[in-house]
Amino acid sequence: MAKSATGNRRSIIFVGLVLGMLVAVTNQTIVSPAMPVIVADLGGLEHYSWIATSTLLAVAVSVPVVGKLSDIYGRRGFYIAGLIIFMLGSILAGVAQGFWWLVVPVPSRVWVWVPSRRSP
């Protein structure tokens, strides 16, 4: 009985991790190629590098901080928080009315994969 409960728990954990990685892969395969068109429609093509810069800055700051905090307090809460922050950032990016409204929420979508990048 204990063996099947452990196997069921592992399956649930695996499905959760796969869904989180699906969000990150979707971001890279759909949003990234469409970004130049989106930026051009919002009238910020001359400032396009701000999106990449803000994303890299968010990664550089969040990976060590969230990684260390997830080592101390556990990864589950940070993983769920990362998914929520990703969804909120995606909503804010989707309703952006101008280029600078797009620059701020895009880095928040990086947080979804931060805790999952650390070794167990």
N, C-alpha and C. Protein backbone atom coordinates (compact mmCIF):
# COMPACT_ATOMS: atom_id res chain seq x y z
N MET A 1 0.82 -1.19 0.00
CA MET A 1 0.00 0.00 0.00
C MET A 1 0.86 1.26 0.00
N ALA A 2 1.92 1.25 0.80
CA ALA A 2 2.79 2.43 0.87
C ALA A 2 3.51 2.66 -0.45
N LYS A 3 3.82 1.57 -1.14
CA LYS A 3 4.52 1.70 -2.41
C LYS A 3 3.66 2.39 -3.46
N SER A 4 2.37 2.07 -3.52
CA SER A 4 1.49 2.70 -4.51
C SER A 4 1.23 4.16 -4.16
N ALA A 5 1.18 4.47 -2.86
CA ALA A 5 0.98 5.87 -2.46
C ALA A 5 2.20 6.70 -2.85
N THR A 6 3.39 6.13 -2.71
CA THR A 6 4.61 6.83 -3.10
C THR A 6 4.65 7.02 -4.60
N GLY A 7 4.26 6.00 -5.34
CA GLY A 7 4.23 6.10 -6.80
C GLY A 7 3.22 7.12 -7.27
N ASN A 8 2.06 7.19 -6.63
CA ASN A 8 1.04 8.17 -6.98
C ASN A 8 1.54 9.58 -6.69
N ARG A 9 2.21 9.77 -5.56
CA ARG A 9 2.75 11.09 -5.21
C ARG A 9 3.82 11.51 -6.22
N ARG A 10 4.65 10.59 -6.63
CA ARG A 10 5.68 10.89 -7.63
C ARG A 10 5.04 11.29 -8.96
N SER A 11 3.97 10.62 -9.32
CA SER A 11 3.28 10.95 -10.57
C SER A 11 2.71 12.36 -10.52
N ILE A 12 2.12 12.72 -9.39
CA ILE A 12 1.55 14.06 -9.24
C ILE A 12 2.66 15.11 -9.31
N ILE A 13 3.77 14.86 -8.64
CA ILE A 13 4.90 15.79 -8.66
C ILE A 13 5.44 15.92 -10.08
N PHE A 14 5.57 14.81 -10.77
CA PHE A 14 6.08 14.83 -12.14
C PHE A 14 5.16 15.63 -13.06
N VAL A 15 3.86 15.43 -12.94
CA VAL A 15 2.91 16.17 -13.77
C VAL A 15 3.01 17.67 -13.48
N GLY A 16 3.15 18.04 -12.21
CA GLY A 16 3.31 19.45 -11.85
C GLY A 16 4.56 20.06 -12.45
N LEU A 17 5.67 19.33 -12.40
CA LEU A 17 6.91 19.82 -12.98
C LEU A 17 6.81 19.94 -14.50
N VAL A 18 6.19 18.96 -15.13
CA VAL A 18 6.04 19.01 -16.58
C VAL A 18 5.16 20.19 -17.00
N LEU A 19 4.10 20.45 -16.26
CA LEU A 19 3.24 21.59 -16.59
C LEU A 19 3.98 22.91 -16.43
N GLY A 20 4.81 23.00 -15.40
CA GLY A 20 5.61 24.21 -15.22
C GLY A 20 6.60 24.41 -16.35
N MET A 21 7.24 23.34 -16.78
CA MET A 21 8.17 23.43 -17.90
C MET A 21 7.44 23.72 -19.20
N LEU A 22 6.20 23.25 -19.33
CA LEU A 22 5.41 23.56 -20.51
C LEU A 22 5.17 25.07 -20.62
N VAL A 23 4.93 25.70 -19.48
CA VAL A 23 4.74 27.15 -19.47
C VAL A 23 6.01 27.84 -19.96
N ALA A 24 7.17 27.41 -19.46
CA ALA A 24 8.44 28.03 -19.87
C ALA A 24 8.72 27.78 -21.35
N VAL A 25 8.46 26.58 -21.83
CA VAL A 25 8.70 26.26 -23.24
C VAL A 25 7.76 27.06 -24.13
N THR A 26 6.52 27.19 -23.71
CA THR A 26 5.56 27.99 -24.47
C THR A 26 6.04 29.43 -24.60
N ASN A 27 6.57 29.95 -23.51
CA ASN A 27 7.10 31.31 -23.52
C ASN A 27 8.22 31.43 -24.56
N GLN A 28 9.10 30.47 -24.62
CA GLN A 28 10.24 30.55 -25.52
C GLN A 28 9.86 30.29 -26.98
N THR A 29 8.90 29.42 -27.23
CA THR A 29 8.61 29.05 -28.61
C THR A 29 7.51 29.89 -29.26
N ILE A 30 6.66 30.52 -28.47
CA ILE A 30 5.58 31.31 -29.05
C ILE A 30 5.81 32.80 -28.86
N VAL A 31 6.09 33.21 -27.64
CA VAL A 31 6.20 34.64 -27.36
C VAL A 31 7.48 35.23 -27.93
N SER A 32 8.59 34.57 -27.78
CA SER A 32 9.87 35.14 -28.23
C SER A 32 9.91 35.43 -29.73
N PRO A 33 9.48 34.50 -30.60
CA PRO A 33 9.48 34.84 -32.03
C PRO A 33 8.48 35.94 -32.39
N ALA A 34 7.40 36.06 -31.63
CA ALA A 34 6.39 37.08 -31.92
C ALA A 34 6.74 38.44 -31.32
N MET A 35 7.74 38.49 -30.45
CA MET A 35 8.05 39.73 -29.75
C MET A 35 8.36 40.91 -30.67
N PRO A 36 9.14 40.76 -31.75
CA PRO A 36 9.39 41.93 -32.61
C PRO A 36 8.10 42.53 -33.19
N VAL A 37 7.16 41.69 -33.57
CA VAL A 37 5.90 42.18 -34.12
C VAL A 37 5.08 42.89 -33.04
N ILE A 38 5.07 42.32 -31.85
CA ILE A 38 4.33 42.93 -30.74
C ILE A 38 4.91 44.29 -30.40
N VAL A 39 6.24 44.34 -30.30
CA VAL A 39 6.92 45.61 -29.97
C VAL A 39 6.68 46.65 -31.05
N ALA A 40 6.72 46.24 -32.31
CA ALA A 40 6.47 47.17 -33.40
C ALA A 40 5.05 47.72 -33.35
N ASP A 41 4.07 46.86 -33.03
CA ASP A 41 2.68 47.30 -32.93
C ASP A 41 2.48 48.29 -31.79
N LEU A 42 3.28 48.14 -30.73
CA LEU A 42 3.16 49.04 -29.58
C LEU A 42 4.02 50.29 -29.74
N GLY A 43 4.74 50.39 -30.84
CA GLY A 43 5.50 51.59 -31.14
C GLY A 43 6.80 51.74 -30.36
N GLY A 44 7.46 50.64 -30.06
CA GLY A 44 8.70 50.74 -29.29
C GLY A 44 9.86 50.01 -29.91
N LEU A 45 9.85 49.87 -31.23
CA LEU A 45 10.89 49.07 -31.89
C LEU A 45 12.29 49.62 -31.64
N GLU A 46 12.43 50.94 -31.51
CA GLU A 46 13.76 51.51 -31.28
C GLU A 46 14.28 51.18 -29.87
N HIS A 47 13.40 50.75 -28.96
CA HIS A 47 13.79 50.39 -27.59
C HIS A 47 13.66 48.89 -27.34
N TYR A 48 13.68 48.10 -28.40
CA TYR A 48 13.46 46.66 -28.30
C TYR A 48 14.42 45.98 -27.33
N SER A 49 15.64 46.46 -27.24
CA SER A 49 16.64 45.83 -26.38
C SER A 49 16.28 45.93 -24.90
N TRP A 50 15.39 46.84 -24.52
CA TRP A 50 14.98 46.96 -23.12
C TRP A 50 14.31 45.69 -22.63
N ILE A 51 13.60 45.00 -23.50
CA ILE A 51 12.91 43.77 -23.08
C ILE A 51 13.93 42.70 -22.73
N ALA A 52 14.90 42.50 -23.58
CA ALA A 52 15.94 41.50 -23.30
C ALA A 52 16.76 41.90 -22.07
N THR A 53 17.08 43.18 -21.95
CA THR A 53 17.86 43.65 -20.81
C THR A 53 17.11 43.45 -19.51
N SER A 54 15.84 43.80 -19.49
CA SER A 54 15.05 43.63 -18.26
C SER A 54 14.88 42.16 -17.90
N THR A 55 14.75 41.30 -18.90
CA THR A 55 14.65 39.86 -18.64
C THR A 55 15.95 39.32 -18.07
N LEU A 56 17.08 39.69 -18.66
CA LEU A 56 18.38 39.23 -18.15
C LEU A 56 18.64 39.75 -16.74
N LEU A 57 18.25 40.97 -16.47
CA LEU A 57 18.41 41.53 -15.13
C LEU A 57 17.56 40.76 -14.12
N ALA A 58 16.33 40.45 -14.50
CA ALA A 58 15.45 39.68 -13.62
C ALA A 58 16.03 38.29 -13.33
N VAL A 59 16.60 37.65 -14.34
CA VAL A 59 17.21 36.33 -14.15
C VAL A 59 18.43 36.43 -13.24
N ALA A 60 19.27 37.43 -13.49
CA ALA A 60 20.51 37.58 -12.71
C ALA A 60 20.21 37.83 -11.24
N VAL A 61 19.14 38.52 -10.94
CA VAL A 61 18.80 38.82 -9.55
C VAL A 61 18.02 37.67 -8.92
N SER A 62 17.06 37.12 -9.65
CA SER A 62 16.14 36.16 -9.05
C SER A 62 16.71 34.76 -8.88
N VAL A 63 17.57 34.30 -9.76
CA VAL A 63 18.07 32.92 -9.65
C VAL A 63 18.82 32.70 -8.34
N PRO A 64 19.82 33.51 -7.99
CA PRO A 64 20.49 33.24 -6.71
C PRO A 64 19.61 33.47 -5.49
N VAL A 65 18.77 34.51 -5.52
CA VAL A 65 17.94 34.83 -4.36
C VAL A 65 16.88 33.75 -4.14
N VAL A 66 16.11 33.47 -5.17
CA VAL A 66 15.05 32.47 -5.04
C VAL A 66 15.64 31.08 -4.86
N GLY A 67 16.76 30.80 -5.49
CA GLY A 67 17.42 29.51 -5.29
C GLY A 67 17.81 29.28 -3.85
N LYS A 68 18.42 30.28 -3.22
CA LYS A 68 18.83 30.14 -1.82
C LYS A 68 17.61 30.06 -0.90
N LEU A 69 16.62 30.91 -1.14
CA LEU A 69 15.41 30.86 -0.31
C LEU A 69 14.67 29.54 -0.47
N SER A 70 14.67 28.98 -1.67
CA SER A 70 14.00 27.68 -1.86
C SER A 70 14.80 26.55 -1.21
N ASP A 71 16.11 26.70 -1.10
CA ASP A 71 16.90 25.72 -0.35
C ASP A 71 16.54 25.75 1.13
N ILE A 72 16.29 26.94 1.64
CA ILE A 72 15.99 27.10 3.07
C ILE A 72 14.54 26.72 3.38
N TYR A 73 13.58 27.23 2.60
CA TYR A 73 12.17 27.07 2.92
C TYR A 73 11.43 26.02 2.09
N GLY A 74 12.08 25.43 1.13
CA GLY A 74 11.43 24.43 0.29
C GLY A 74 11.03 25.00 -1.06
N ARG A 75 11.00 24.15 -2.06
CA ARG A 75 10.79 24.61 -3.42
C ARG A 75 9.31 24.75 -3.81
N ARG A 76 8.46 24.01 -3.12
CA ARG A 76 7.06 23.97 -3.54
C ARG A 76 6.41 25.35 -3.55
N GLY A 77 6.53 26.08 -2.47
CA GLY A 77 5.92 27.41 -2.38
C GLY A 77 6.47 28.37 -3.41
N PHE A 78 7.78 28.31 -3.63
CA PHE A 78 8.39 29.20 -4.62
C PHE A 78 7.99 28.81 -6.03
N TYR A 79 7.83 27.52 -6.27
CA TYR A 79 7.40 27.05 -7.59
C TYR A 79 5.98 27.54 -7.89
N ILE A 80 5.09 27.40 -6.92
CA ILE A 80 3.71 27.86 -7.10
C ILE A 80 3.67 29.38 -7.24
N ALA A 81 4.45 30.08 -6.41
CA ALA A 81 4.51 31.54 -6.51
C ALA A 81 5.05 31.97 -7.88
N GLY A 82 6.03 31.24 -8.39
CA GLY A 82 6.57 31.55 -9.71
C GLY A 82 5.54 31.39 -10.80
N LEU A 83 4.72 30.34 -10.71
CA LEU A 83 3.66 30.15 -11.70
C LEU A 83 2.63 31.27 -11.62
N ILE A 84 2.28 31.68 -10.41
CA ILE A 84 1.31 32.77 -10.24
C ILE A 84 1.87 34.08 -10.78
N ILE A 85 3.13 34.37 -10.45
CA ILE A 85 3.77 35.60 -10.95
C ILE A 85 3.85 35.57 -12.48
N PHE A 86 4.15 34.40 -13.03
CA PHE A 86 4.18 34.25 -14.49
C PHE A 86 2.83 34.58 -15.11
N MET A 87 1.77 34.03 -14.52
CA MET A 87 0.44 34.27 -15.06
C MET A 87 0.05 35.75 -14.96
N LEU A 88 0.33 36.37 -13.81
CA LEU A 88 0.03 37.79 -13.66
C LEU A 88 0.84 38.64 -14.65
N GLY A 89 2.12 38.31 -14.81
CA GLY A 89 2.95 39.03 -15.78
C GLY A 89 2.45 38.85 -17.20
N SER A 90 1.99 37.66 -17.53
CA SER A 90 1.44 37.41 -18.86
C SER A 90 0.17 38.21 -19.10
N ILE A 91 -0.68 38.29 -18.08
CA ILE A 91 -1.91 39.08 -18.21
C ILE A 91 -1.57 40.55 -18.40
N LEU A 92 -0.63 41.06 -17.59
CA LEU A 92 -0.24 42.46 -17.72
C LEU A 92 0.39 42.74 -19.09
N ALA A 93 1.21 41.81 -19.57
CA ALA A 93 1.81 41.99 -20.90
C ALA A 93 0.74 41.93 -21.99
N GLY A 94 -0.27 41.09 -21.79
CA GLY A 94 -1.33 40.96 -22.78
C GLY A 94 -2.22 42.19 -22.89
N VAL A 95 -2.37 42.92 -21.81
CA VAL A 95 -3.23 44.11 -21.84
C VAL A 95 -2.41 45.40 -21.99
N ALA A 96 -1.14 45.27 -22.31
CA ALA A 96 -0.27 46.45 -22.44
C ALA A 96 -0.79 47.37 -23.54
N GLN A 97 -0.87 48.65 -23.21
CA GLN A 97 -1.34 49.65 -24.16
C GLN A 97 -0.20 50.39 -24.84
N GLY A 98 1.00 50.19 -24.34
CA GLY A 98 2.17 50.85 -24.91
C GLY A 98 3.41 50.04 -24.61
N PHE A 99 4.50 50.43 -25.23
CA PHE A 99 5.75 49.67 -25.09
C PHE A 99 6.22 49.59 -23.65
N TRP A 100 6.21 50.69 -22.92
CA TRP A 100 6.74 50.69 -21.55
C TRP A 100 5.85 49.89 -20.62
N TRP A 101 4.58 49.73 -20.95
CA TRP A 101 3.73 48.83 -20.17
C TRP A 101 4.13 47.38 -20.41
N LEU A 102 4.77 47.11 -21.53
CA LEU A 102 5.22 45.76 -21.84
C LEU A 102 6.55 45.44 -21.18
N VAL A 103 7.42 46.41 -21.02
CA VAL A 103 8.77 46.17 -20.48
C VAL A 103 8.71 45.68 -19.04
N VAL A 104 7.82 46.20 -18.23
CA VAL A 104 7.77 45.85 -16.81
C VAL A 104 7.29 44.42 -16.56
N PRO A 105 6.18 43.94 -17.14
CA PRO A 105 5.73 42.59 -16.80
C PRO A 105 6.52 41.46 -17.45
N VAL A 106 7.22 41.70 -18.52
CA VAL A 106 7.92 40.60 -19.20
C VAL A 106 8.94 39.91 -18.29
N PRO A 107 9.77 40.64 -17.52
CA PRO A 107 10.71 39.93 -16.64
C PRO A 107 10.02 39.09 -15.57
N SER A 108 8.82 39.43 -15.17
CA SER A 108 8.14 38.65 -14.14
C SER A 108 7.82 37.24 -14.63
N ARG A 109 7.77 37.06 -15.93
CA ARG A 109 7.48 35.74 -16.47
C ARG A 109 8.68 34.82 -16.39
N VAL A 110 9.85 35.36 -16.04
CA VAL A 110 11.05 34.54 -15.89
C VAL A 110 10.98 33.70 -14.63
N TRP A 111 10.30 34.16 -13.60
CA TRP A 111 10.31 33.53 -12.29
C TRP A 111 9.75 32.12 -12.29
N VAL A 112 9.01 31.73 -13.31
CA VAL A 112 8.37 30.41 -13.29
C VAL A 112 9.39 29.29 -13.24
N TRP A 113 10.54 29.46 -13.85
CA TRP A 113 11.47 28.35 -13.91
C TRP A 113 12.63 28.49 -12.95
N VAL A 114 12.69 29.53 -12.15
CA VAL A 114 13.82 29.73 -11.24
C VAL A 114 13.98 28.59 -10.25
N PRO A 115 12.94 28.21 -9.45
CA PRO A 115 13.17 27.13 -8.48
C PRO A 115 13.44 25.79 -9.15
N SER A 116 12.93 25.56 -10.33
CA SER A 116 13.13 24.27 -10.98
C SER A 116 14.51 24.12 -11.57
N ARG A 117 15.28 25.21 -11.71
CA ARG A 117 16.62 25.14 -12.26
C ARG A 117 17.65 24.65 -11.24
N ARG A 118 17.33 24.74 -9.98
CA ARG A 118 18.26 24.32 -8.94
C ARG A 118 18.25 22.80 -8.82
N SER A 119 19.37 22.24 -8.40
CA SER A 119 19.42 20.79 -8.22
C SER A 119 18.67 20.40 -6.94
N PRO A 120 18.09 19.20 -6.90
CA PRO A 120 17.27 18.80 -5.73
C PRO A 120 18.04 18.61 -4.46
